[in-house]
């Protein structure tokens, strides 16, 4: 495989080097495209609808990482998979927050720092949500109290 040779200006012989995407940016782009499908979509469909020139293998890698994070589900379709988002943006953000919290030893300290860093408006929203959750009957009586 011929790779583009670097040039002195940071680009390549084939043109300027594209800026690197931030961490999670590709995953976010793939999820946005997947949500626009309106149902299960193949990796090839996702690749066609993404802005830019991502290789099919890169799209598969991103989808596989999202699957490992439980951000997407997949069903067998012939020899490949059809992918579906497991949640909306808010649900995925909540999943990331929960994963961070689950990885910490001192949960109380993490939660205390989180709450102390909230803006007054976000703190009020959080208090209202916690109050509403406390007033709602629990659907799963076997669930541990947190």
Protein backbone atom coordinates (compact mmCIF):
# COMPACT_ATOMS: atom_id res chain seq x y z
CA UNK A 1 0.00 0.00 0.00
CA UNK A 2 1.39 3.40 -0.93
CA UNK A 3 1.20 5.93 1.85
CA UNK A 4 1.32 9.67 1.21
CA UNK A 5 4.73 11.09 1.98
CA UNK A 6 4.95 13.94 4.50
CA UNK A 7 5.96 17.37 3.31
CA UNK A 8 7.65 20.20 5.19
CA UNK A 9 4.37 22.12 5.70
CA UNK A 10 2.67 19.34 7.70
CA UNK A 11 0.63 18.17 4.71
CA UNK A 12 1.21 15.30 2.33
CA UNK A 13 2.08 15.06 -1.33
CA UNK A 14 -1.61 14.36 -1.94
CA UNK A 15 -2.73 17.59 -0.23
CA UNK A 16 -2.92 19.27 3.17
CA UNK A 17 -3.14 17.06 6.21
CA UNK A 18 -6.65 17.01 7.67
CA UNK A 19 -6.94 18.08 11.31
CA UNK A 20 -7.26 15.26 13.83
CA UNK A 21 -10.68 14.80 15.36
CA UNK A 22 -11.11 15.14 19.11
CA UNK A 23 -11.61 12.14 21.34
CA UNK A 24 -15.13 10.83 20.92
CA UNK A 25 -15.87 13.08 17.95
CA UNK A 26 -15.97 10.20 15.47
CA UNK A 27 -18.20 8.18 17.79
CA UNK A 28 -20.54 11.14 18.09
CA UNK A 29 -20.64 11.61 14.31
CA UNK A 30 -21.36 7.92 13.75
CA UNK A 31 -24.16 7.98 16.34
CA UNK A 32 -25.69 11.09 14.74
CA UNK A 33 -25.72 9.42 11.33
CA UNK A 34 -27.04 6.19 12.79
CA UNK A 35 -29.92 8.05 14.48
CA UNK A 36 -30.81 9.67 11.17
CA UNK A 37 -31.33 6.23 9.62
CA UNK A 38 -34.69 5.83 11.34
CA UNK A 39 -33.99 2.16 11.97
CA UNK A 40 -31.19 -0.39 11.81
CA UNK A 41 -28.40 0.52 9.38
CA UNK A 42 -25.38 -1.30 8.00
CA UNK A 43 -21.84 -0.04 8.41
CA UNK A 44 -21.78 0.62 4.66
CA UNK A 45 -24.85 2.86 4.97
CA UNK A 46 -23.25 4.73 7.87
CA UNK A 47 -20.03 5.17 5.88
CA UNK A 48 -21.93 6.59 2.89
CA UNK A 49 -23.77 9.13 5.05
CA UNK A 50 -20.77 10.39 7.06
CA UNK A 51 -19.05 13.63 6.13
CA UNK A 52 -15.50 12.86 5.07
CA UNK A 53 -13.59 9.91 3.78
CA UNK A 54 -13.67 7.31 6.53
CA UNK A 55 -12.61 3.83 5.54
CA UNK A 56 -15.16 1.07 5.96
CA UNK A 57 -12.85 -0.63 8.47
CA UNK A 58 -12.73 2.58 10.53
CA UNK A 59 -16.54 2.72 10.62
CA UNK A 60 -16.64 -0.94 11.73
CA UNK A 61 -14.09 -0.20 14.45
CA UNK A 62 -16.10 2.78 15.74
CA UNK A 63 -19.36 0.79 15.70
CA UNK A 64 -17.64 -2.10 17.53
CA UNK A 65 -16.35 0.28 20.20
CA UNK A 66 -19.82 1.79 20.58
CA UNK A 67 -21.22 -1.74 20.89
CA UNK A 68 -18.71 -2.56 23.65
CA UNK A 69 -19.84 0.62 25.44
CA UNK A 70 -23.49 -0.47 25.02
CA UNK A 71 -24.20 2.68 23.02
CA UNK A 72 -25.48 0.67 20.02
CA UNK A 73 -27.08 -2.70 19.48
CA UNK A 74 -26.58 -4.98 16.51
CA UNK A 75 -28.46 -7.75 14.80
CA UNK A 76 -27.11 -10.23 12.29
CA UNK A 77 -28.06 -9.35 8.72
CA UNK A 78 -26.56 -11.85 6.32
CA UNK A 79 -22.81 -11.90 6.85
CA UNK A 80 -22.72 -8.50 8.53
CA UNK A 81 -24.62 -6.56 11.18
CA UNK A 82 -27.34 -3.94 11.22
CA UNK A 83 -26.65 -1.34 13.92
CA UNK A 84 -29.13 0.66 16.01
CA UNK A 85 -28.47 3.38 18.60
CA UNK A 86 -29.26 2.10 22.10
CA UNK A 87 -30.15 5.52 23.44
CA UNK A 88 -30.49 9.19 22.63
CA UNK A 89 -27.76 11.78 23.36
CA UNK A 90 -28.94 12.34 26.93
CA UNK A 91 -28.98 8.63 27.63
CA UNK A 92 -25.47 8.20 26.23
CA UNK A 93 -24.16 11.11 28.31
CA UNK A 94 -25.75 9.57 31.39
CA UNK A 95 -24.13 6.23 30.55
CA UNK A 96 -20.71 7.91 30.27
CA UNK A 97 -21.23 9.69 33.60
CA UNK A 98 -22.27 6.44 35.27
CA UNK A 99 -19.23 4.63 33.84
CA UNK A 100 -16.92 7.29 35.29
CA UNK A 101 -18.63 7.10 38.67
CA UNK A 102 -18.50 3.30 38.68
CA UNK A 103 -14.74 3.47 38.08
CA UNK A 104 -14.06 5.58 41.17
CA UNK A 105 -13.32 4.23 44.64
CA UNK A 106 -14.75 7.16 46.65
CA UNK A 107 -18.14 7.71 45.04
CA UNK A 108 -19.24 10.17 47.72
CA UNK A 109 -16.24 12.43 47.10
CA UNK A 110 -16.81 12.34 43.34
CA UNK A 111 -20.50 13.17 43.71
CA UNK A 112 -19.73 15.95 46.22
CA UNK A 113 -17.22 17.53 43.84
CA UNK A 114 -19.64 17.18 40.95
CA UNK A 115 -22.47 18.87 42.84
CA UNK A 116 -20.22 21.66 44.15
CA UNK A 117 -19.12 22.45 40.58
CA UNK A 118 -22.68 22.80 39.23
CA UNK A 119 -24.07 26.18 38.29
CA UNK A 120 -26.96 27.35 40.51
CA UNK A 121 -29.42 26.57 37.70
CA UNK A 122 -28.09 23.04 37.17
CA UNK A 123 -28.07 22.45 40.93
CA UNK A 124 -31.75 23.47 41.11
CA UNK A 125 -32.57 21.15 38.19
CA UNK A 126 -30.74 18.28 39.88
CA UNK A 127 -32.55 18.90 43.17
CA UNK A 128 -35.91 18.92 41.35
CA UNK A 129 -35.07 15.68 39.54
CA UNK A 130 -33.98 14.00 42.78
CA UNK A 131 -37.15 15.18 44.51
CA UNK A 132 -39.30 13.86 41.67
CA UNK A 133 -37.44 10.52 41.74
CA UNK A 134 -37.98 10.24 45.51
CA UNK A 135 -41.70 10.90 45.10
CA UNK A 136 -42.14 8.33 42.30
CA UNK A 137 -42.91 4.71 43.17
CA UNK A 138 -40.01 2.44 42.36
CA UNK A 139 -40.72 0.05 39.48
CA UNK A 140 -38.18 -2.47 40.78
CA UNK A 141 -38.51 -3.14 44.52
CA UNK A 142 -35.44 -5.41 44.39
CA UNK A 143 -33.22 -2.58 43.10
CA UNK A 144 -30.57 -1.48 45.64
CA UNK A 145 -30.94 1.96 47.14
CA UNK A 146 -28.21 4.38 46.13
